[in-house]
Amino acid sequence: MSQTTARFDLLATPRSVGHARQLVRTLLAAWEIGDADAVDVCELVVSELLTNAVLHGQPDIELQIDRHDDLIRIAVADGSDVLPDPGHGPDASVEDILDDEDNAAQVGESGRGLLLVRAVAEDWRTEPYRNGKRVVVTVRLP
């Protein structure tokens, strides 16, 4: 299968998060991805990344979704060059992070978005993009 890409420019407002969730659901249906768990995971990733971009980034926000065989790549870019802080090194497991009492108190109810993303993603990274940054998450389809 060749790579298929969709790109959307979004406003830096909370309403964009819900709009993006609907976009990803519609797009994956058009790509004939019918696995409900995979769609839910992609929707979760989009929601968490967009929420971070709206709360902590700078306009403009771009959402890009690529499909290549059994991989979905979700990228959210914003105009801020401040990188997200996942709280621990890349080799720490999600369980290690949540079991860390000092970190749990600091993270609280907010700040767990990247932990959720790490738990469901095949891979994730940040990279410079235009005048800001892009967070890229890869999800493997079943």
N, C-alpha and C. Protein backbone atom coordinates (compact mmCIF):
# COMPACT_ATOMS: atom_id res chain seq x y z
N MET A 1 0.85 -1.17 0.00
CA MET A 1 0.00 0.00 0.00
C MET A 1 0.89 1.24 0.00
N SER A 2 0.52 2.22 -0.76
CA SER A 2 1.27 3.47 -0.74
C SER A 2 0.81 4.33 0.43
N GLN A 3 1.59 5.33 0.71
CA GLN A 3 1.26 6.21 1.82
C GLN A 3 0.12 7.14 1.44
N THR A 4 -0.80 7.34 2.35
CA THR A 4 -1.92 8.26 2.19
C THR A 4 -1.81 9.30 3.29
N THR A 5 -2.01 10.57 2.94
CA THR A 5 -1.83 11.66 3.90
C THR A 5 -3.01 12.61 3.88
N ALA A 6 -3.38 13.07 5.06
CA ALA A 6 -4.37 14.14 5.20
C ALA A 6 -3.78 15.19 6.13
N ARG A 7 -3.99 16.47 5.80
CA ARG A 7 -3.44 17.56 6.60
C ARG A 7 -4.54 18.59 6.85
N PHE A 8 -4.61 19.08 8.09
CA PHE A 8 -5.64 20.04 8.47
C PHE A 8 -5.00 21.18 9.26
N ASP A 9 -5.39 22.41 8.95
CA ASP A 9 -5.00 23.57 9.74
C ASP A 9 -6.14 23.84 10.71
N LEU A 10 -5.80 24.00 12.00
CA LEU A 10 -6.81 24.15 13.04
C LEU A 10 -6.55 25.42 13.86
N LEU A 11 -7.62 25.98 14.37
CA LEU A 11 -7.51 27.13 15.27
C LEU A 11 -7.01 26.65 16.63
N ALA A 12 -6.30 27.51 17.33
CA ALA A 12 -5.79 27.17 18.66
C ALA A 12 -6.86 27.45 19.71
N THR A 13 -7.99 26.73 19.60
CA THR A 13 -9.09 26.88 20.54
C THR A 13 -9.52 25.51 21.04
N PRO A 14 -10.14 25.43 22.22
CA PRO A 14 -10.59 24.13 22.73
C PRO A 14 -11.57 23.42 21.78
N ARG A 15 -12.36 24.16 21.02
CA ARG A 15 -13.30 23.53 20.09
C ARG A 15 -12.58 22.71 19.01
N SER A 16 -11.35 23.08 18.71
CA SER A 16 -10.59 22.35 17.69
C SER A 16 -10.30 20.92 18.11
N VAL A 17 -10.23 20.66 19.42
CA VAL A 17 -9.93 19.31 19.90
C VAL A 17 -11.06 18.36 19.51
N GLY A 18 -12.29 18.76 19.79
CA GLY A 18 -13.44 17.93 19.40
C GLY A 18 -13.56 17.79 17.90
N HIS A 19 -13.30 18.89 17.20
CA HIS A 19 -13.34 18.86 15.73
C HIS A 19 -12.30 17.87 15.19
N ALA A 20 -11.11 17.87 15.77
CA ALA A 20 -10.05 16.97 15.32
C ALA A 20 -10.40 15.51 15.60
N ARG A 21 -11.05 15.24 16.75
CA ARG A 21 -11.47 13.86 17.03
C ARG A 21 -12.44 13.37 15.95
N GLN A 22 -13.37 14.23 15.56
CA GLN A 22 -14.31 13.85 14.51
C GLN A 22 -13.59 13.67 13.17
N LEU A 23 -12.63 14.53 12.88
CA LEU A 23 -11.86 14.41 11.64
C LEU A 23 -11.15 13.06 11.57
N VAL A 24 -10.49 12.66 12.66
CA VAL A 24 -9.74 11.41 12.63
C VAL A 24 -10.69 10.22 12.48
N ARG A 25 -11.83 10.25 13.16
CA ARG A 25 -12.80 9.16 13.05
C ARG A 25 -13.31 9.03 11.61
N THR A 26 -13.65 10.17 11.01
CA THR A 26 -14.15 10.18 9.63
C THR A 26 -13.07 9.72 8.65
N LEU A 27 -11.85 10.20 8.85
CA LEU A 27 -10.74 9.84 7.97
C LEU A 27 -10.43 8.35 8.04
N LEU A 28 -10.36 7.81 9.23
CA LEU A 28 -10.06 6.38 9.37
C LEU A 28 -11.16 5.52 8.78
N ALA A 29 -12.41 5.97 8.89
CA ALA A 29 -13.51 5.24 8.25
C ALA A 29 -13.36 5.27 6.74
N ALA A 30 -12.97 6.42 6.20
CA ALA A 30 -12.76 6.53 4.76
C ALA A 30 -11.60 5.64 4.30
N TRP A 31 -10.61 5.45 5.16
CA TRP A 31 -9.49 4.57 4.85
C TRP A 31 -9.82 3.11 5.16
N GLU A 32 -11.07 2.85 5.49
CA GLU A 32 -11.58 1.51 5.78
C GLU A 32 -10.86 0.83 6.93
N ILE A 33 -10.54 1.62 7.96
CA ILE A 33 -9.99 1.08 9.20
C ILE A 33 -11.19 0.90 10.13
N GLY A 34 -11.63 -0.34 10.26
CA GLY A 34 -12.84 -0.62 10.99
C GLY A 34 -12.62 -1.12 12.41
N ASP A 35 -11.38 -1.34 12.80
CA ASP A 35 -11.10 -1.84 14.14
C ASP A 35 -11.39 -0.74 15.16
N ALA A 36 -12.41 -0.96 15.99
CA ALA A 36 -12.86 0.07 16.93
C ALA A 36 -11.76 0.47 17.91
N ASP A 37 -10.97 -0.50 18.37
CA ASP A 37 -9.89 -0.18 19.31
C ASP A 37 -8.84 0.72 18.67
N ALA A 38 -8.47 0.42 17.43
CA ALA A 38 -7.49 1.24 16.72
C ALA A 38 -8.01 2.65 16.51
N VAL A 39 -9.26 2.77 16.14
CA VAL A 39 -9.86 4.10 15.95
C VAL A 39 -9.86 4.86 17.27
N ASP A 40 -10.22 4.18 18.36
CA ASP A 40 -10.23 4.83 19.68
C ASP A 40 -8.83 5.30 20.07
N VAL A 41 -7.82 4.47 19.81
CA VAL A 41 -6.45 4.85 20.15
C VAL A 41 -6.03 6.09 19.35
N CYS A 42 -6.30 6.09 18.06
CA CYS A 42 -5.95 7.25 17.23
C CYS A 42 -6.68 8.50 17.68
N GLU A 43 -7.95 8.33 18.04
CA GLU A 43 -8.73 9.46 18.53
C GLU A 43 -8.16 9.99 19.85
N LEU A 44 -7.75 9.09 20.74
CA LEU A 44 -7.13 9.49 22.00
C LEU A 44 -5.84 10.27 21.75
N VAL A 45 -4.99 9.76 20.86
CA VAL A 45 -3.72 10.42 20.56
C VAL A 45 -3.97 11.82 20.01
N VAL A 46 -4.88 11.94 19.05
CA VAL A 46 -5.19 13.25 18.47
C VAL A 46 -5.70 14.19 19.56
N SER A 47 -6.58 13.69 20.40
CA SER A 47 -7.15 14.52 21.46
C SER A 47 -6.08 15.03 22.41
N GLU A 48 -5.20 14.15 22.86
CA GLU A 48 -4.15 14.55 23.80
C GLU A 48 -3.15 15.52 23.17
N LEU A 49 -2.72 15.23 21.94
CA LEU A 49 -1.75 16.12 21.29
C LEU A 49 -2.34 17.49 20.99
N LEU A 50 -3.59 17.50 20.52
CA LEU A 50 -4.24 18.78 20.21
C LEU A 50 -4.49 19.59 21.48
N THR A 51 -4.90 18.91 22.55
CA THR A 51 -5.11 19.61 23.82
C THR A 51 -3.82 20.27 24.28
N ASN A 52 -2.71 19.55 24.20
CA ASN A 52 -1.42 20.13 24.58
C ASN A 52 -1.07 21.32 23.70
N ALA A 53 -1.31 21.21 22.41
CA ALA A 53 -0.99 22.31 21.50
C ALA A 53 -1.84 23.54 21.82
N VAL A 54 -3.12 23.32 22.12
CA VAL A 54 -4.01 24.45 22.45
C VAL A 54 -3.59 25.09 23.78
N LEU A 55 -3.30 24.26 24.78
CA LEU A 55 -2.99 24.79 26.11
C LEU A 55 -1.58 25.35 26.24
N HIS A 56 -0.61 24.72 25.59
CA HIS A 56 0.78 25.07 25.82
C HIS A 56 1.53 25.58 24.61
N GLY A 57 0.95 25.44 23.42
CA GLY A 57 1.64 25.83 22.20
C GLY A 57 1.30 27.24 21.77
N GLN A 58 1.63 27.53 20.56
CA GLN A 58 1.35 28.82 19.95
C GLN A 58 0.66 28.56 18.61
N PRO A 59 -0.20 29.48 18.19
CA PRO A 59 -0.80 29.31 16.85
C PRO A 59 0.31 29.32 15.81
N ASP A 60 0.18 28.75 14.75
CA ASP A 60 -0.89 27.99 14.17
C ASP A 60 -0.71 26.52 14.47
N ILE A 61 -1.82 25.77 14.44
CA ILE A 61 -1.78 24.34 14.74
C ILE A 61 -2.10 23.57 13.46
N GLU A 62 -1.29 22.56 13.21
CA GLU A 62 -1.48 21.71 12.05
C GLU A 62 -1.57 20.25 12.50
N LEU A 63 -2.57 19.55 11.99
CA LEU A 63 -2.74 18.12 12.24
C LEU A 63 -2.48 17.39 10.93
N GLN A 64 -1.60 16.41 10.98
CA GLN A 64 -1.32 15.58 9.80
C GLN A 64 -1.47 14.12 10.21
N ILE A 65 -2.18 13.37 9.39
CA ILE A 65 -2.39 11.95 9.64
C ILE A 65 -1.97 11.20 8.38
N ASP A 66 -1.06 10.24 8.55
CA ASP A 66 -0.56 9.44 7.43
C ASP A 66 -0.87 7.98 7.70
N ARG A 67 -1.18 7.25 6.64
CA ARG A 67 -1.30 5.80 6.74
C ARG A 67 -0.29 5.18 5.79
N HIS A 68 0.45 4.23 6.32
CA HIS A 68 1.38 3.46 5.51
C HIS A 68 1.30 2.02 5.99
N ASP A 69 0.66 1.17 5.18
CA ASP A 69 0.44 -0.23 5.54
C ASP A 69 -0.30 -0.31 6.87
N ASP A 70 0.33 -0.94 7.88
CA ASP A 70 -0.36 -1.11 9.16
C ASP A 70 0.05 -0.07 10.20
N LEU A 71 0.54 1.07 9.74
CA LEU A 71 0.94 2.14 10.64
C LEU A 71 0.14 3.41 10.37
N ILE A 72 -0.28 4.06 11.44
CA ILE A 72 -0.88 5.39 11.35
C ILE A 72 0.08 6.33 12.05
N ARG A 73 0.45 7.41 11.36
CA ARG A 73 1.34 8.41 11.95
C ARG A 73 0.51 9.67 12.16
N ILE A 74 0.46 10.14 13.39
CA ILE A 74 -0.29 11.33 13.75
C ILE A 74 0.73 12.39 14.17
N ALA A 75 0.66 13.55 13.54
CA ALA A 75 1.59 14.63 13.86
C ALA A 75 0.81 15.91 14.14
N VAL A 76 1.14 16.55 15.24
CA VAL A 76 0.53 17.83 15.59
C VAL A 76 1.66 18.84 15.74
N ALA A 77 1.57 19.91 14.97
CA ALA A 77 2.58 20.97 14.99
C ALA A 77 1.95 22.25 15.52
N ASP A 78 2.77 23.03 16.24
CA ASP A 78 2.33 24.35 16.66
C ASP A 78 3.51 25.31 16.57
N GLY A 79 3.26 26.57 16.82
CA GLY A 79 4.27 27.60 16.62
C GLY A 79 5.23 27.81 17.76
N SER A 80 5.15 27.00 18.81
CA SER A 80 6.07 27.13 19.94
C SER A 80 7.22 26.15 19.77
N ASP A 81 8.44 26.62 20.11
CA ASP A 81 9.58 25.71 20.03
C ASP A 81 9.87 25.04 21.37
N VAL A 82 9.01 25.25 22.37
CA VAL A 82 9.17 24.60 23.67
C VAL A 82 8.70 23.16 23.54
N LEU A 83 9.60 22.23 23.84
CA LEU A 83 9.29 20.80 23.69
C LEU A 83 8.50 20.29 24.88
N PRO A 84 7.61 19.32 24.67
CA PRO A 84 6.87 18.74 25.79
C PRO A 84 7.82 18.00 26.72
N ASP A 85 7.45 17.97 28.00
CA ASP A 85 8.26 17.29 29.00
C ASP A 85 7.53 16.04 29.47
N PRO A 86 7.95 14.87 29.01
CA PRO A 86 7.26 13.64 29.42
C PRO A 86 7.58 13.23 30.85
N GLY A 87 8.52 13.91 31.52
CA GLY A 87 8.76 13.64 32.92
C GLY A 87 9.83 12.62 33.23
N HIS A 88 10.12 11.70 32.35
CA HIS A 88 11.12 10.65 32.56
C HIS A 88 11.80 10.36 31.24
N GLY A 89 12.90 9.65 31.32
CA GLY A 89 13.61 9.28 30.11
C GLY A 89 12.81 8.33 29.23
N PRO A 90 13.22 8.18 27.99
CA PRO A 90 12.46 7.37 27.04
C PRO A 90 12.40 5.89 27.37
N ASP A 91 13.29 5.40 28.24
CA ASP A 91 13.28 3.98 28.58
C ASP A 91 12.41 3.66 29.78
N ALA A 92 11.89 4.69 30.47
CA ALA A 92 11.03 4.44 31.63
C ALA A 92 9.68 3.92 31.15
N SER A 93 9.18 2.92 31.88
CA SER A 93 7.86 2.41 31.52
C SER A 93 6.79 3.31 32.11
N VAL A 94 5.59 3.23 31.56
CA VAL A 94 4.48 4.00 32.09
C VAL A 94 4.23 3.62 33.54
N GLU A 95 4.34 2.33 33.87
CA GLU A 95 4.14 1.87 35.24
C GLU A 95 5.16 2.51 36.17
N ASP A 96 6.43 2.58 35.74
CA ASP A 96 7.47 3.21 36.56
C ASP A 96 7.12 4.67 36.84
N ILE A 97 6.63 5.35 35.83
CA ILE A 97 6.31 6.77 35.98
C ILE A 97 5.14 6.95 36.94
N LEU A 98 4.10 6.16 36.79
CA LEU A 98 2.93 6.29 37.66
C LEU A 98 3.21 5.82 39.07
N ASP A 99 4.14 4.86 39.24
CA ASP A 99 4.50 4.38 40.58
C ASP A 99 5.42 5.33 41.32
N ASP A 100 6.03 6.27 40.62
CA ASP A 100 6.92 7.26 41.23
C ASP A 100 6.06 8.26 42.00
N GLU A 101 6.06 8.14 43.35
CA GLU A 101 5.16 8.98 44.17
C GLU A 101 5.44 10.46 44.00
N ASP A 102 6.72 10.84 43.90
CA ASP A 102 7.04 12.26 43.71
C ASP A 102 6.46 12.76 42.40
N ASN A 103 6.61 11.97 41.34
CA ASN A 103 6.08 12.37 40.04
C ASN A 103 4.56 12.37 40.04
N ALA A 104 3.92 11.38 40.69
CA ALA A 104 2.46 11.31 40.71
C ALA A 104 1.87 12.56 41.34
N ALA A 105 2.47 13.05 42.42
CA ALA A 105 1.97 14.26 43.06
C ALA A 105 2.15 15.47 42.16
N GLN A 106 3.25 15.50 41.42
CA GLN A 106 3.52 16.62 40.53
C GLN A 106 2.61 16.58 39.31
N VAL A 107 2.37 15.40 38.75
CA VAL A 107 1.56 15.28 37.55
C VAL A 107 0.10 15.54 37.85
N GLY A 108 -0.43 14.95 38.94
CA GLY A 108 -1.82 15.15 39.30
C GLY A 108 -2.76 14.68 38.21
N GLU A 109 -3.91 15.31 38.12
CA GLU A 109 -4.91 14.93 37.12
C GLU A 109 -4.53 15.44 35.74
N SER A 110 -3.85 16.53 35.69
CA SER A 110 -3.43 17.09 34.41
C SER A 110 -2.00 16.64 34.17
N GLY A 111 -1.57 16.60 32.95
CA GLY A 111 -0.20 16.23 32.65
C GLY A 111 -0.02 14.75 32.37
N ARG A 112 -1.09 14.00 32.34
CA ARG A 112 -0.97 12.57 32.06
C ARG A 112 -1.16 12.25 30.59
N GLY A 113 -1.44 13.24 29.78
CA GLY A 113 -1.70 13.02 28.36
C GLY A 113 -0.57 12.33 27.65
N LEU A 114 0.66 12.80 27.87
CA LEU A 114 1.80 12.17 27.20
C LEU A 114 2.06 10.77 27.74
N LEU A 115 1.71 10.53 29.00
CA LEU A 115 1.83 9.17 29.54
C LEU A 115 0.86 8.24 28.83
N LEU A 116 -0.36 8.71 28.61
CA LEU A 116 -1.33 7.91 27.86
C LEU A 116 -0.85 7.65 26.45
N VAL A 117 -0.32 8.67 25.82
CA VAL A 117 0.17 8.53 24.45
C VAL A 117 1.31 7.50 24.41
N ARG A 118 2.25 7.61 25.36
CA ARG A 118 3.35 6.63 25.41
C ARG A 118 2.84 5.22 25.58
N ALA A 119 1.76 5.06 26.36
CA ALA A 119 1.24 3.72 26.65
C ALA A 119 0.64 3.06 25.42
N VAL A 120 0.08 3.84 24.51
CA VAL A 120 -0.62 3.25 23.36
C VAL A 120 0.16 3.35 22.06
N ALA A 121 1.24 4.10 22.05
CA ALA A 121 1.97 4.35 20.80
C ALA A 121 3.03 3.30 20.53
N GLU A 122 3.24 3.04 19.26
CA GLU A 122 4.37 2.23 18.82
C GLU A 122 5.66 3.02 19.02
N ASP A 123 5.56 4.33 18.77
CA ASP A 123 6.71 5.23 18.86
C ASP A 123 6.19 6.65 18.96
N TRP A 124 6.98 7.55 19.56
CA TRP A 124 6.65 8.97 19.52
C TRP A 124 7.93 9.77 19.64
N ARG A 125 7.88 10.98 19.10
CA ARG A 125 9.06 11.84 19.13
C ARG A 125 8.61 13.29 18.94
N THR A 126 9.53 14.20 19.19
CA THR A 126 9.32 15.61 18.86
C THR A 126 10.41 16.01 17.88
N GLU A 127 10.10 17.01 17.08
CA GLU A 127 11.08 17.48 16.11
C GLU A 127 10.81 18.95 15.80
N PRO A 128 11.86 19.70 15.46
CA PRO A 128 11.63 21.08 15.02
C PRO A 128 10.78 21.06 13.75
N TYR A 129 9.91 22.05 13.63
CA TYR A 129 9.03 22.10 12.46
C TYR A 129 8.69 23.57 12.20
N ARG A 130 9.04 24.02 11.02
CA ARG A 130 8.81 25.42 10.66
C ARG A 130 9.33 26.33 11.77
N ASN A 131 8.47 27.18 12.34
CA ASN A 131 8.92 28.08 13.41
C ASN A 131 8.60 27.54 14.80
N GLY A 132 8.31 26.27 14.89
CA GLY A 132 7.94 25.69 16.18
C GLY A 132 8.40 24.27 16.29
N LYS A 133 7.46 23.40 16.68
CA LYS A 133 7.78 21.98 16.87
C LYS A 133 6.62 21.14 16.36
N ARG A 134 6.92 19.86 16.24
CA ARG A 134 5.89 18.88 15.87
C ARG A 134 6.08 17.66 16.76
N VAL A 135 4.96 17.16 17.28
CA VAL A 135 4.97 15.91 18.05
C VAL A 135 4.39 14.85 17.13
N VAL A 136 5.15 13.77 16.94
CA VAL A 136 4.78 12.72 15.99
C VAL A 136 4.60 11.41 16.75
N VAL A 137 3.45 10.77 16.56
CA VAL A 137 3.13 9.53 17.23
C VAL A 137 2.78 8.49 16.18
N THR A 138 3.33 7.30 16.32
CA THR A 138 3.02 6.20 15.41
C THR A 138 2.20 5.16 16.16
N VAL A 139 1.10 4.76 15.54
CA VAL A 139 0.21 3.74 16.09
C VAL A 139 0.17 2.57 15.11
N ARG A 140 0.37 1.37 15.62
CA ARG A 140 0.31 0.17 14.77
C ARG A 140 -1.11 -0.36 14.77
N LEU A 141 -1.62 -0.63 13.58
CA LEU A 141 -2.94 -1.22 13.45
C LEU A 141 -2.86 -2.72 13.70
N PRO A 142 -3.94 -3.31 14.23
CA PRO A 142 -3.92 -4.77 14.47
C PRO A 142 -3.94 -5.55 13.17
